[in-house]
Amino acid sequence: MREDRTALRKRVLKAGQVEFGGGAIDCTVRNLSDTGAALSVESPVGIPAEFNLVIVSDNVNRRCRVVWRKDNRIGITFA
């Protein structure tokens, strides 16, 4: 498999929130790097192409752009 990531991602298991339009959807951060992450969500339906990712435990609030979607997983890059 070809690796297109610019930074190595670290496997994590952190609670997060996808925030957009005044609302939020819970997610699980599955891997994380300085440039992006992979998220697990109940359903990717309705999640826009750009949103804020909040990880309260790490005091993180980053603007994101969706790079890929597959089943209940979303790959993002930080804006």
PDB file of N, CA and C in Angstrom:
ATOM      1  N   MET A   1       0.836  -1.172   0.000  1.00  0.00           N
ATOM      2  CA  MET A   1       0.000   0.000   0.000  1.00  0.00           C
ATOM      3  C   MET A   1       0.887   1.243   0.000  1.00  0.00           C
ATOM      4  N   ARG A   2       0.508   2.257  -0.787  1.00  0.00           N
ATOM      5  CA  ARG A   2       1.258   3.500  -0.883  1.00  0.00           C
ATOM      6  C   ARG A   2       0.906   4.425   0.274  1.00  0.00           C
ATOM      7  N   GLU A   3       1.902   5.018   0.893  1.00  0.00           N
ATOM      8  CA  GLU A   3       1.700   5.921   2.022  1.00  0.00           C
ATOM      9  C   GLU A   3       1.832   7.365   1.550  1.00  0.00           C
ATOM     10  N   ASP A   4       0.729   8.139   1.626  1.00  0.00           N
ATOM     11  CA  ASP A   4       0.729   9.523   1.160  1.00  0.00           C
ATOM     12  C   ASP A   4       0.813  10.537   2.294  1.00  0.00           C
ATOM     13  N   ARG A   5       0.851  10.105   3.514  1.00  0.00           N
ATOM     14  CA  ARG A   5       0.873  11.029   4.638  1.00  0.00           C
ATOM     15  C   ARG A   5       2.227  11.730   4.726  1.00  0.00           C
ATOM     16  N   THR A   6       2.177  13.016   5.136  1.00  0.00           N
ATOM     17  CA  THR A   6       3.408  13.780   5.286  1.00  0.00           C
ATOM     18  C   THR A   6       4.014  13.620   6.675  1.00  0.00           C
ATOM     19  N   ALA A   7       3.244  13.113   7.636  1.00  0.00           N
ATOM     20  CA  ALA A   7       3.733  12.916   8.998  1.00  0.00           C
ATOM     21  C   ALA A   7       3.257  11.564   9.517  1.00  0.00           C
ATOM     22  N   LEU A   8       4.080  10.904  10.307  1.00  0.00           N
ATOM     23  CA  LEU A   8       3.720   9.625  10.896  1.00  0.00           C
ATOM     24  C   LEU A   8       2.608   9.827  11.922  1.00  0.00           C
ATOM     25  N   ARG A   9       1.612   8.968  11.879  1.00  0.00           N
ATOM     26  CA  ARG A   9       0.510   9.077  12.826  1.00  0.00           C
ATOM     27  C   ARG A   9       0.702   8.101  13.976  1.00  0.00           C
ATOM     28  N   LYS A  10       0.347   8.567  15.172  1.00  0.00           N
ATOM     29  CA  LYS A  10       0.448   7.766  16.384  1.00  0.00           C
ATOM     30  C   LYS A  10      -0.926   7.195  16.703  1.00  0.00           C
ATOM     31  N   ARG A  11      -0.989   5.896  16.986  1.00  0.00           N
ATOM     32  CA  ARG A  11      -2.262   5.281  17.358  1.00  0.00           C
ATOM     33  C   ARG A  11      -2.675   5.777  18.733  1.00  0.00           C
ATOM     34  N   VAL A  12      -3.918   6.243  18.820  1.00  0.00           N
ATOM     35  CA  VAL A  12      -4.475   6.745  20.081  1.00  0.00           C
ATOM     36  C   VAL A  12      -5.917   6.265  20.195  1.00  0.00           C
ATOM     37  N   LEU A  13      -6.497   6.472  21.326  1.00  0.00           N
ATOM     38  CA  LEU A  13      -7.910   6.178  21.556  1.00  0.00           C
ATOM     39  C   LEU A  13      -8.435   7.275  22.480  1.00  0.00           C
ATOM     40  N   LYS A  14      -8.872   8.381  21.872  1.00  0.00           N
ATOM     41  CA  LYS A  14      -9.287   9.557  22.632  1.00  0.00           C
ATOM     42  C   LYS A  14     -10.708   9.960  22.250  1.00  0.00           C
ATOM     43  N   ALA A  15     -11.444  10.426  23.224  1.00  0.00           N
ATOM     44  CA  ALA A  15     -12.782  10.961  22.967  1.00  0.00           C
ATOM     45  C   ALA A  15     -12.645  12.340  22.349  1.00  0.00           C
ATOM     46  N   GLY A  16     -13.456  12.604  21.334  1.00  0.00           N
ATOM     47  CA  GLY A  16     -13.430  13.905  20.675  1.00  0.00           C
ATOM     48  C   GLY A  16     -14.816  14.318  20.250  1.00  0.00           C
ATOM     49  N   GLN A  17     -14.896  15.505  19.678  1.00  0.00           N
ATOM     50  CA  GLN A  17     -16.154  16.006  19.136  1.00  0.00           C
ATOM     51  C   GLN A  17     -15.893  16.693  17.814  1.00  0.00           C
ATOM     52  N   VAL A  18     -16.775  16.419  16.859  1.00  0.00           N
ATOM     53  CA  VAL A  18     -16.797  17.092  15.575  1.00  0.00           C
ATOM     54  C   VAL A  18     -17.794  18.236  15.735  1.00  0.00           C
ATOM     55  N   GLU A  19     -17.304  19.481  15.692  1.00  0.00           N
ATOM     56  CA  GLU A  19     -18.172  20.636  15.901  1.00  0.00           C
ATOM     57  C   GLU A  19     -18.370  21.391  14.591  1.00  0.00           C
ATOM     58  N   PHE A  20     -19.634  21.694  14.283  1.00  0.00           N
ATOM     59  CA  PHE A  20     -19.981  22.465  13.089  1.00  0.00           C
ATOM     60  C   PHE A  20     -21.383  23.017  13.236  1.00  0.00           C
ATOM     61  N   GLY A  21     -21.621  24.178  12.697  1.00  0.00           N
ATOM     62  CA  GLY A  21     -22.971  24.756  12.662  1.00  0.00           C
ATOM     63  C   GLY A  21     -23.649  24.877  14.003  1.00  0.00           C
ATOM     64  N   GLY A  22     -22.904  25.091  15.066  1.00  0.00           N
ATOM     65  CA  GLY A  22     -23.499  25.247  16.387  1.00  0.00           C
ATOM     66  C   GLY A  22     -23.806  23.938  17.097  1.00  0.00           C
ATOM     67  N   GLY A  23     -23.523  22.789  16.471  1.00  0.00           N
ATOM     68  CA  GLY A  23     -23.760  21.491  17.092  1.00  0.00           C
ATOM     69  C   GLY A  23     -22.486  20.681  17.173  1.00  0.00           C
ATOM     70  N   ALA A  24     -22.585  19.491  17.749  1.00  0.00           N
ATOM     71  CA  ALA A  24     -21.425  18.626  17.894  1.00  0.00           C
ATOM     72  C   ALA A  24     -21.835  17.163  17.786  1.00  0.00           C
ATOM     73  N   ILE A  25     -20.934  16.359  17.245  1.00  0.00           N
ATOM     74  CA  ILE A  25     -21.117  14.913  17.141  1.00  0.00           C
ATOM     75  C   ILE A  25     -19.928  14.265  17.829  1.00  0.00           C
ATOM     76  N   ASP A  26     -20.195  13.307  18.709  1.00  0.00           N
ATOM     77  CA  ASP A  26     -19.112  12.595  19.382  1.00  0.00           C
ATOM     78  C   ASP A  26     -18.337  11.739  18.397  1.00  0.00           C
ATOM     79  N   CYS A  27     -17.033  11.620  18.637  1.00  0.00           N
ATOM     80  CA  CYS A  27     -16.191  10.773  17.803  1.00  0.00           C
ATOM     81  C   CYS A  27     -15.092  10.178  18.673  1.00  0.00           C
ATOM     82  N   THR A  28     -14.391   9.220  18.103  1.00  0.00           N
ATOM     83  CA  THR A  28     -13.208   8.653  18.739  1.00  0.00           C
ATOM     84  C   THR A  28     -12.036   8.906  17.813  1.00  0.00           C
ATOM     85  N   VAL A  29     -10.984   9.530  18.353  1.00  0.00           N
ATOM     86  CA  VAL A  29      -9.772   9.773  17.582  1.00  0.00           C
ATOM     87  C   VAL A  29      -8.963   8.485  17.630  1.00  0.00           C
ATOM     88  N   ARG A  30      -8.717   7.882  16.456  1.00  0.00           N
ATOM     89  CA  ARG A  30      -8.047   6.579  16.363  1.00  0.00           C
ATOM     90  C   ARG A  30      -6.552   6.699  16.118  1.00  0.00           C
ATOM     91  N   ASN A  31      -6.143   7.702  15.342  1.00  0.00           N
ATOM     92  CA  ASN A  31      -4.729   7.998  15.189  1.00  0.00           C
ATOM     93  C   ASN A  31      -4.578   9.490  14.975  1.00  0.00           C
ATOM     94  N   LEU A  32      -3.374   9.998  15.258  1.00  0.00           N
ATOM     95  CA  LEU A  32      -3.180  11.436  15.313  1.00  0.00           C
ATOM     96  C   LEU A  32      -1.748  11.785  14.953  1.00  0.00           C
ATOM     97  N   SER A  33      -1.578  12.880  14.215  1.00  0.00           N
ATOM     98  CA  SER A  33      -0.253  13.419  13.914  1.00  0.00           C
ATOM     99  C   SER A  33      -0.345  14.937  13.951  1.00  0.00           C
ATOM    100  N   ASP A  34       0.754  15.597  13.639  1.00  0.00           N
ATOM    101  CA  ASP A  34       0.755  17.054  13.584  1.00  0.00           C
ATOM    102  C   ASP A  34      -0.076  17.569  12.418  1.00  0.00           C
ATOM    103  N   THR A  35      -0.302  16.717  11.407  1.00  0.00           N
ATOM    104  CA  THR A  35      -0.987  17.172  10.197  1.00  0.00           C
ATOM    105  C   THR A  35      -2.410  16.651  10.026  1.00  0.00           C
ATOM    106  N   GLY A  36      -2.816  15.637  10.790  1.00  0.00           N
ATOM    107  CA  GLY A  36      -4.157  15.096  10.611  1.00  0.00           C
ATOM    108  C   GLY A  36      -4.481  13.975  11.574  1.00  0.00           C
ATOM    109  N   ALA A  37      -5.607  13.301  11.296  1.00  0.00           N
ATOM    110  CA  ALA A  37      -6.076  12.241  12.182  1.00  0.00           C
ATOM    111  C   ALA A  37      -7.085  11.366  11.456  1.00  0.00           C
ATOM    112  N   ALA A  38      -7.390  10.227  12.071  1.00  0.00           N
ATOM    113  CA  ALA A  38      -8.483   9.364  11.633  1.00  0.00           C
ATOM    114  C   ALA A  38      -9.485   9.312  12.781  1.00  0.00           C
ATOM    115  N   LEU A  39     -10.749   9.485  12.439  1.00  0.00           N
ATOM    116  CA  LEU A  39     -11.813   9.519  13.432  1.00  0.00           C
ATOM    117  C   LEU A  39     -12.811   8.410  13.174  1.00  0.00           C
ATOM    118  N   SER A  40     -13.344   7.835  14.241  1.00  0.00           N
ATOM    119  CA  SER A  40     -14.482   6.921  14.155  1.00  0.00           C
ATOM    120  C   SER A  40     -15.709   7.699  14.602  1.00  0.00           C
ATOM    121  N   VAL A  41     -16.799   7.572  13.841  1.00  0.00           N
ATOM    122  CA  VAL A  41     -18.056   8.234  14.175  1.00  0.00           C
ATOM    123  C   VAL A  41     -19.187   7.223  14.047  1.00  0.00           C
ATOM    124  N   GLU A  42     -20.288   7.509  14.723  1.00  0.00           N
ATOM    125  CA  GLU A  42     -21.464   6.634  14.626  1.00  0.00           C
ATOM    126  C   GLU A  42     -21.927   6.546  13.180  1.00  0.00           C
ATOM    127  N   SER A  43     -22.001   7.720  12.528  1.00  0.00           N
ATOM    128  CA  SER A  43     -22.364   7.790  11.112  1.00  0.00           C
ATOM    129  C   SER A  43     -21.745   9.052  10.524  1.00  0.00           C
ATOM    130  N   PRO A  44     -21.096   8.939   9.370  1.00  0.00           N
ATOM    131  CA  PRO A  44     -20.502  10.131   8.757  1.00  0.00           C
ATOM    132  C   PRO A  44     -21.531  11.000   8.014  1.00  0.00           C
ATOM    133  N   VAL A  45     -22.759  10.531   7.921  1.00  0.00           N
ATOM    134  CA  VAL A  45     -23.804  11.267   7.208  1.00  0.00           C
ATOM    135  C   VAL A  45     -24.040  12.614   7.901  1.00  0.00           C
ATOM    136  N   GLY A  46     -24.004  13.679   7.127  1.00  0.00           N
ATOM    137  CA  GLY A  46     -24.264  15.011   7.653  1.00  0.00           C
ATOM    138  C   GLY A  46     -23.041  15.750   8.149  1.00  0.00           C
ATOM    139  N   ILE A  47     -21.905  15.075   8.223  1.00  0.00           N
ATOM    140  CA  ILE A  47     -20.681  15.746   8.652  1.00  0.00           C
ATOM    141  C   ILE A  47     -20.130  16.503   7.434  1.00  0.00           C
ATOM    142  N   PRO A  48     -19.949  17.823   7.571  1.00  0.00           N
ATOM    143  CA  PRO A  48     -19.499  18.614   6.421  1.00  0.00           C
ATOM    144  C   PRO A  48     -18.029  18.382   6.073  1.00  0.00           C
ATOM    145  N   ALA A  49     -17.600  18.930   4.957  1.00  0.00           N
ATOM    146  CA  ALA A  49     -16.219  18.779   4.492  1.00  0.00           C
ATOM    147  C   ALA A  49     -15.227  19.503   5.393  1.00  0.00           C
ATOM    148  N   GLU A  50     -15.666  20.523   6.120  1.00  0.00           N
ATOM    149  CA  GLU A  50     -14.807  21.252   7.060  1.00  0.00           C
ATOM    150  C   GLU A  50     -15.528  21.411   8.391  1.00  0.00           C
ATOM    151  N   PHE A  51     -14.780  21.254   9.480  1.00  0.00           N
ATOM    152  CA  PHE A  51     -15.343  21.367  10.822  1.00  0.00           C
ATOM    153  C   PHE A  51     -14.209  21.570  11.819  1.00  0.00           C
ATOM    154  N   ASN A  52     -14.557  21.759  13.091  1.00  0.00           N
ATOM    155  CA  ASN A  52     -13.562  21.834  14.161  1.00  0.00           C
ATOM    156  C   ASN A  52     -13.527  20.499  14.894  1.00  0.00           C
ATOM    157  N   LEU A  53     -12.323  20.007  15.166  1.00  0.00           N
ATOM    158  CA  LEU A  53     -12.147  18.822  15.993  1.00  0.00           C
ATOM    159  C   LEU A  53     -11.747  19.284  17.383  1.00  0.00           C
ATOM    160  N   VAL A  54     -12.500  18.851  18.389  1.00  0.00           N
ATOM    161  CA  VAL A  54     -12.224  19.203  19.780  1.00  0.00           C
ATOM    162  C   VAL A  54     -11.856  17.931  20.535  1.00  0.00           C
ATOM    163  N   ILE A  55     -10.693  17.964  21.196  1.00  0.00           N
ATOM    164  CA  ILE A  55     -10.272  16.885  22.091  1.00  0.00           C
ATOM    165  C   ILE A  55     -10.053  17.543  23.454  1.00  0.00           C
ATOM    166  N   VAL A  56     -11.060  17.464  24.314  1.00  0.00           N
ATOM    167  CA  VAL A  56     -11.047  18.176  25.593  1.00  0.00           C
ATOM    168  C   VAL A  56      -9.867  17.746  26.460  1.00  0.00           C
ATOM    169  N   SER A  57      -9.572  16.450  26.507  1.00  0.00           N
ATOM    170  CA  SER A  57      -8.501  15.947  27.380  1.00  0.00           C
ATOM    171  C   SER A  57      -7.136  16.524  27.033  1.00  0.00           C
ATOM    172  N   ASP A  58      -6.941  16.937  25.771  1.00  0.00           N
ATOM    173  CA  ASP A  58      -5.665  17.495  25.325  1.00  0.00           C
ATOM    174  C   ASP A  58      -5.742  18.995  25.078  1.00  0.00           C
ATOM    175  N   ASN A  59      -6.892  19.612  25.403  1.00  0.00           N
ATOM    176  CA  ASN A  59      -7.108  21.038  25.173  1.00  0.00           C
ATOM    177  C   ASN A  59      -6.858  21.401  23.701  1.00  0.00           C
ATOM    178  N   VAL A  60      -7.413  20.577  22.787  1.00  0.00           N
ATOM    179  CA  VAL A  60      -7.242  20.761  21.348  1.00  0.00           C
ATOM    180  C   VAL A  60      -8.545  21.247  20.726  1.00  0.00           C
ATOM    181  N   ASN A  61      -8.455  22.252  19.874  1.00  0.00           N
ATOM    182  CA  ASN A  61      -9.572  22.726  19.069  1.00  0.00           C
ATOM    183  C   ASN A  61      -8.978  23.160  17.740  1.00  0.00           C
ATOM    184  N   ARG A  62      -9.061  22.281  16.723  1.00  0.00           N
ATOM    185  CA  ARG A  62      -8.398  22.519  15.436  1.00  0.00           C
ATOM    186  C   ARG A  62      -9.401  22.490  14.288  1.00  0.00           C
ATOM    187  N   ARG A  63      -9.204  23.375  13.341  1.00  0.00           N
ATOM    188  CA  ARG A  63      -9.998  23.387  12.109  1.00  0.00           C
ATOM    189  C   ARG A  63      -9.514  22.240  11.239  1.00  0.00           C
ATOM    190  N   CYS A  64     -10.449  21.489  10.629  1.00  0.00           N
ATOM    191  CA  CYS A  64     -10.122  20.291   9.867  1.00  0.00           C
ATOM    192  C   CYS A  64     -10.810  20.295   8.515  1.00  0.00           C
ATOM    193  N   ARG A  65     -10.245  19.514   7.614  1.00  0.00           N
ATOM    194  CA  ARG A  65     -10.853  19.268   6.307  1.00  0.00           C
ATOM    195  C   ARG A  65     -10.851  17.762   6.076  1.00  0.00           C
ATOM    196  N   VAL A  66     -11.981  17.224   5.632  1.00  0.00           N
ATOM    197  CA  VAL A  66     -12.100  15.787   5.370  1.00  0.00           C
ATOM    198  C   VAL A  66     -11.305  15.430   4.115  1.00  0.00           C
ATOM    199  N   VAL A  67     -10.484  14.379   4.221  1.00  0.00           N
ATOM    200  CA  VAL A  67      -9.682  13.889   3.102  1.00  0.00           C
ATOM    201  C   VAL A  67     -10.310  12.624   2.530  1.00  0.00           C
ATOM    202  N   TRP A  68     -10.848  11.763   3.405  1.00  0.00           N
ATOM    203  CA  TRP A  68     -11.510  10.542   2.950  1.00  0.00           C
ATOM    204  C   TRP A  68     -12.588  10.128   3.948  1.00  0.00           C
ATOM    205  N   ARG A  69     -13.525   9.340   3.453  1.00  0.00           N
ATOM    206  CA  ARG A  69     -14.607   8.761   4.273  1.00  0.00           C
ATOM    207  C   ARG A  69     -14.743   7.293   3.888  1.00  0.00           C
ATOM    208  N   LYS A  70     -14.893   6.433   4.868  1.00  0.00           N
ATOM    209  CA  LYS A  70     -15.105   5.010   4.613  1.00  0.00           C
ATOM    210  C   LYS A  70     -15.894   4.428   5.782  1.00  0.00           C
ATOM    211  N   ASP A  71     -17.073   3.921   5.488  1.00  0.00           N
ATOM    212  CA  ASP A  71     -17.963   3.368   6.511  1.00  0.00           C
ATOM    213  C   ASP A  71     -18.117   4.380   7.645  1.00  0.00           C
ATOM    214  N   ASN A  72     -17.669   4.026   8.847  1.00  0.00           N
ATOM    215  CA  ASN A  72     -17.791   4.912  10.014  1.00  0.00           C
ATOM    216  C   ASN A  72     -16.466   5.571  10.379  1.00  0.00           C
ATOM    217  N   ARG A  73     -15.579   5.716   9.407  1.00  0.00           N
ATOM    218  CA  ARG A  73     -14.283   6.360   9.652  1.00  0.00           C
ATOM    219  C   ARG A  73     -14.139   7.568   8.732  1.00  0.00           C
ATOM    220  N   ILE A  74     -13.441   8.577   9.240  1.00  0.00           N
ATOM    221  CA  ILE A  74     -13.161   9.793   8.481  1.00  0.00           C
ATOM    222  C   ILE A  74     -11.690  10.126   8.653  1.00  0.00           C
ATOM    223  N   GLY A  75     -11.016  10.395   7.543  1.00  0.00           N
ATOM    224  CA  GLY A  75      -9.639  10.870   7.587  1.00  0.00           C
ATOM    225  C   GLY A  75      -9.650  12.372   7.409  1.00  0.00           C
ATOM    226  N   ILE A  76      -8.919  13.071   8.258  1.00  0.00           N
ATOM    227  CA  ILE A  76      -8.901  14.535   8.200  1.00  0.00           C
ATOM    228  C   ILE A  76      -7.481  15.063   8.133  1.00  0.00           C
ATOM    229  N   THR A  77      -7.372  16.272   7.606  1.00  0.00           N
ATOM    230  CA  THR A  77      -6.124  17.024   7.660  1.00  0.00           C
ATOM    231  C   THR A  77      -6.429  18.316   8.393  1.00  0.00           C
ATOM    232  N   PHE A  78      -5.459  18.786   9.167  1.00  0.00           N
ATOM    233  CA  PHE A  78      -5.666  20.039   9.889  1.00  0.00           C
ATOM    234  C   PHE A  78      -5.428  21.217   8.967  1.00  0.00           C
ATOM    235  N   ALA A  79      -6.320  22.192   9.038  1.00  0.00           N
ATOM    236  CA  ALA A  79      -6.240  23.383   8.172  1.00  0.00           C
ATOM    237  C   ALA A  79      -5.183  24.334   8.710  1.00  0.00           C
TER     238      ALA A  79
END
